[in-house]
Amino acid sequence: MLYSVRQIDNREDRGFIKWDSIFLDDFLKGTSWSNSTGGGGGEDTLTAPYNHFSDLQESLFKSQ
């Protein structure tokens, strides 16, 4: 499963830069389970370091 996020230039203007993506198994390897933060809906949010993400086009090519 591939998860994609929209990379933006800054939080105020939110200008599009590119799509980044990460495969679920890579996310699970890269995330810190002990550093989860409060998210919406009463659930925690898990984060993965940005260096675990790749350009969407690279990820699509890798999955074939």
N, C-alpha and C. Protein backbone atom coordinates (compact mmCIF):
# COMPACT_ATOMS: atom_id res chain seq x y z
N MET A 1 0.85 -1.16 0.00
CA MET A 1 0.00 0.00 0.00
C MET A 1 0.90 1.23 0.00
N LEU A 2 0.55 2.20 -0.82
CA LEU A 2 1.34 3.42 -0.98
C LEU A 2 0.58 4.59 -0.39
N TYR A 3 1.23 5.37 0.47
CA TYR A 3 0.63 6.55 1.09
C TYR A 3 1.34 7.76 0.51
N SER A 4 0.59 8.72 -0.03
CA SER A 4 1.17 9.91 -0.64
C SER A 4 0.76 11.17 0.10
N VAL A 5 1.70 12.12 0.19
CA VAL A 5 1.45 13.40 0.83
C VAL A 5 1.89 14.52 -0.11
N ARG A 6 1.22 15.64 0.03
CA ARG A 6 1.50 16.81 -0.81
C ARG A 6 2.58 17.65 -0.13
N GLN A 7 3.72 17.80 -0.78
CA GLN A 7 4.78 18.65 -0.24
C GLN A 7 4.47 20.10 -0.60
N ILE A 8 4.53 21.00 0.39
CA ILE A 8 4.21 22.41 0.17
C ILE A 8 5.41 23.27 0.53
N ASP A 9 5.39 24.52 0.03
CA ASP A 9 6.53 25.41 0.28
C ASP A 9 6.54 25.98 1.69
N ASN A 10 5.37 26.26 2.26
CA ASN A 10 5.29 26.73 3.64
C ASN A 10 3.85 26.57 4.13
N ARG A 11 3.66 26.67 5.42
CA ARG A 11 2.34 26.42 6.00
C ARG A 11 1.34 27.54 5.73
N GLU A 12 1.82 28.72 5.45
CA GLU A 12 0.91 29.85 5.22
C GLU A 12 0.38 29.87 3.79
N ASP A 13 1.28 29.85 2.80
CA ASP A 13 0.87 29.93 1.40
C ASP A 13 0.46 28.57 0.84
N ARG A 14 1.07 27.53 1.33
CA ARG A 14 0.77 26.15 0.94
C ARG A 14 0.92 25.90 -0.56
N GLY A 15 1.92 26.53 -1.17
CA GLY A 15 2.19 26.32 -2.60
C GLY A 15 2.71 24.91 -2.86
N PHE A 16 2.14 24.27 -3.85
CA PHE A 16 2.50 22.88 -4.18
C PHE A 16 3.93 22.79 -4.70
N ILE A 17 4.68 21.80 -4.19
CA ILE A 17 6.02 21.51 -4.69
C ILE A 17 6.01 20.19 -5.46
N LYS A 18 5.62 19.11 -4.77
CA LYS A 18 5.57 17.79 -5.41
C LYS A 18 4.85 16.82 -4.49
N TRP A 19 4.56 15.64 -5.01
CA TRP A 19 3.98 14.56 -4.22
C TRP A 19 5.10 13.67 -3.71
N ASP A 20 5.08 13.37 -2.42
CA ASP A 20 6.00 12.42 -1.81
C ASP A 20 5.20 11.21 -1.36
N SER A 21 5.85 10.08 -1.26
CA SER A 21 5.12 8.87 -0.90
C SER A 21 5.99 7.93 -0.09
N ILE A 22 5.32 7.00 0.55
CA ILE A 22 6.01 5.98 1.33
C ILE A 22 5.14 4.72 1.31
N PHE A 23 5.79 3.57 1.17
CA PHE A 23 5.06 2.31 1.25
C PHE A 23 4.77 2.01 2.72
N LEU A 24 3.65 1.40 2.98
CA LEU A 24 3.23 1.14 4.35
C LEU A 24 4.29 0.36 5.13
N ASP A 25 4.89 -0.65 4.52
CA ASP A 25 5.91 -1.41 5.25
C ASP A 25 7.13 -0.55 5.60
N ASP A 26 7.49 0.40 4.72
CA ASP A 26 8.59 1.32 5.02
C ASP A 26 8.20 2.29 6.14
N PHE A 27 6.94 2.72 6.13
CA PHE A 27 6.46 3.60 7.19
C PHE A 27 6.55 2.90 8.55
N LEU A 28 6.11 1.65 8.58
CA LEU A 28 6.12 0.91 9.83
C LEU A 28 7.54 0.67 10.34
N LYS A 29 8.50 0.54 9.43
CA LYS A 29 9.90 0.37 9.82
C LYS A 29 10.49 1.69 10.33
N GLY A 30 10.05 2.81 9.76
CA GLY A 30 10.66 4.10 10.07
C GLY A 30 10.01 4.89 11.17
N THR A 31 8.80 4.52 11.56
CA THR A 31 8.08 5.30 12.55
C THR A 31 8.58 5.01 13.97
N SER A 32 8.43 5.98 14.82
CA SER A 32 8.79 5.81 16.23
C SER A 32 7.51 5.57 17.01
N TRP A 33 7.33 4.37 17.49
CA TRP A 33 6.11 4.01 18.20
C TRP A 33 6.04 4.67 19.58
N SER A 34 7.19 5.01 20.14
CA SER A 34 7.18 5.61 21.48
C SER A 34 6.97 7.11 21.46
N ASN A 35 7.07 7.74 20.28
CA ASN A 35 6.94 9.20 20.18
C ASN A 35 5.63 9.61 19.53
N SER A 36 4.57 8.83 19.68
CA SER A 36 3.30 9.19 19.07
C SER A 36 2.76 10.45 19.74
N THR A 37 2.06 11.28 18.97
CA THR A 37 1.50 12.52 19.49
C THR A 37 0.00 12.50 19.33
N GLY A 38 -0.69 13.29 20.12
CA GLY A 38 -2.14 13.35 20.04
C GLY A 38 -2.60 13.81 18.68
N GLY A 39 -3.52 13.09 18.10
CA GLY A 39 -4.09 13.43 16.80
C GLY A 39 -5.56 13.73 16.94
N GLY A 40 -6.22 13.85 15.81
CA GLY A 40 -7.65 14.12 15.83
C GLY A 40 -8.45 12.89 16.20
N GLY A 41 -9.64 13.09 16.69
CA GLY A 41 -10.53 11.97 16.99
C GLY A 41 -10.11 11.13 18.17
N GLY A 42 -9.26 11.68 19.04
CA GLY A 42 -8.85 10.95 20.22
C GLY A 42 -7.81 9.87 19.95
N GLU A 43 -7.25 9.84 18.76
CA GLU A 43 -6.23 8.85 18.41
C GLU A 43 -4.86 9.50 18.36
N ASP A 44 -3.81 8.69 18.50
CA ASP A 44 -2.45 9.20 18.39
C ASP A 44 -2.02 9.27 16.93
N THR A 45 -1.06 10.14 16.65
CA THR A 45 -0.50 10.29 15.32
C THR A 45 0.92 9.76 15.32
N LEU A 46 1.22 8.85 14.40
CA LEU A 46 2.56 8.33 14.25
C LEU A 46 3.25 9.08 13.13
N THR A 47 4.51 9.42 13.32
CA THR A 47 5.25 10.14 12.29
C THR A 47 6.44 9.30 11.85
N ALA A 48 6.84 9.49 10.60
CA ALA A 48 8.03 8.85 10.06
C ALA A 48 8.96 9.95 9.56
N PRO A 49 10.27 9.79 9.72
CA PRO A 49 11.20 10.81 9.24
C PRO A 49 11.03 11.03 7.73
N TYR A 50 11.21 12.28 7.31
CA TYR A 50 11.03 12.63 5.90
C TYR A 50 11.94 11.82 4.99
N ASN A 51 13.13 11.44 5.47
CA ASN A 51 14.05 10.70 4.60
C ASN A 51 13.55 9.30 4.25
N HIS A 52 12.46 8.85 4.87
CA HIS A 52 11.85 7.57 4.51
C HIS A 52 10.87 7.72 3.34
N PHE A 53 10.52 8.95 2.99
CA PHE A 53 9.63 9.22 1.86
C PHE A 53 10.45 9.37 0.59
N SER A 54 9.82 9.15 -0.55
CA SER A 54 10.47 9.37 -1.84
C SER A 54 9.48 10.04 -2.78
N ASP A 55 10.00 10.53 -3.89
CA ASP A 55 9.17 11.15 -4.91
C ASP A 55 8.14 10.14 -5.40
N LEU A 56 6.91 10.57 -5.62
CA LEU A 56 5.84 9.67 -6.03
C LEU A 56 6.21 8.90 -7.30
N GLN A 57 6.80 9.57 -8.29
CA GLN A 57 7.16 8.89 -9.53
C GLN A 57 8.17 7.77 -9.28
N GLU A 58 9.13 8.01 -8.38
CA GLU A 58 10.12 6.97 -8.04
C GLU A 58 9.43 5.78 -7.37
N SER A 59 8.48 6.07 -6.49
CA SER A 59 7.77 5.00 -5.80
C SER A 59 6.92 4.17 -6.75
N LEU A 60 6.27 4.83 -7.70
CA LEU A 60 5.47 4.10 -8.68
C LEU A 60 6.34 3.21 -9.55
N PHE A 61 7.50 3.71 -9.93
CA PHE A 61 8.43 2.91 -10.75
C PHE A 61 8.95 1.73 -9.94
N LYS A 62 9.24 1.96 -8.66
CA LYS A 62 9.76 0.93 -7.76
C LYS A 62 8.74 -0.20 -7.56
N SER A 63 7.45 0.14 -7.57
CA SER A 63 6.42 -0.86 -7.29
C SER A 63 6.12 -1.77 -8.47
N GLN A 64 6.64 -1.47 -9.64
CA GLN A 64 6.34 -2.28 -10.83
C GLN A 64 7.32 -3.39 -11.02
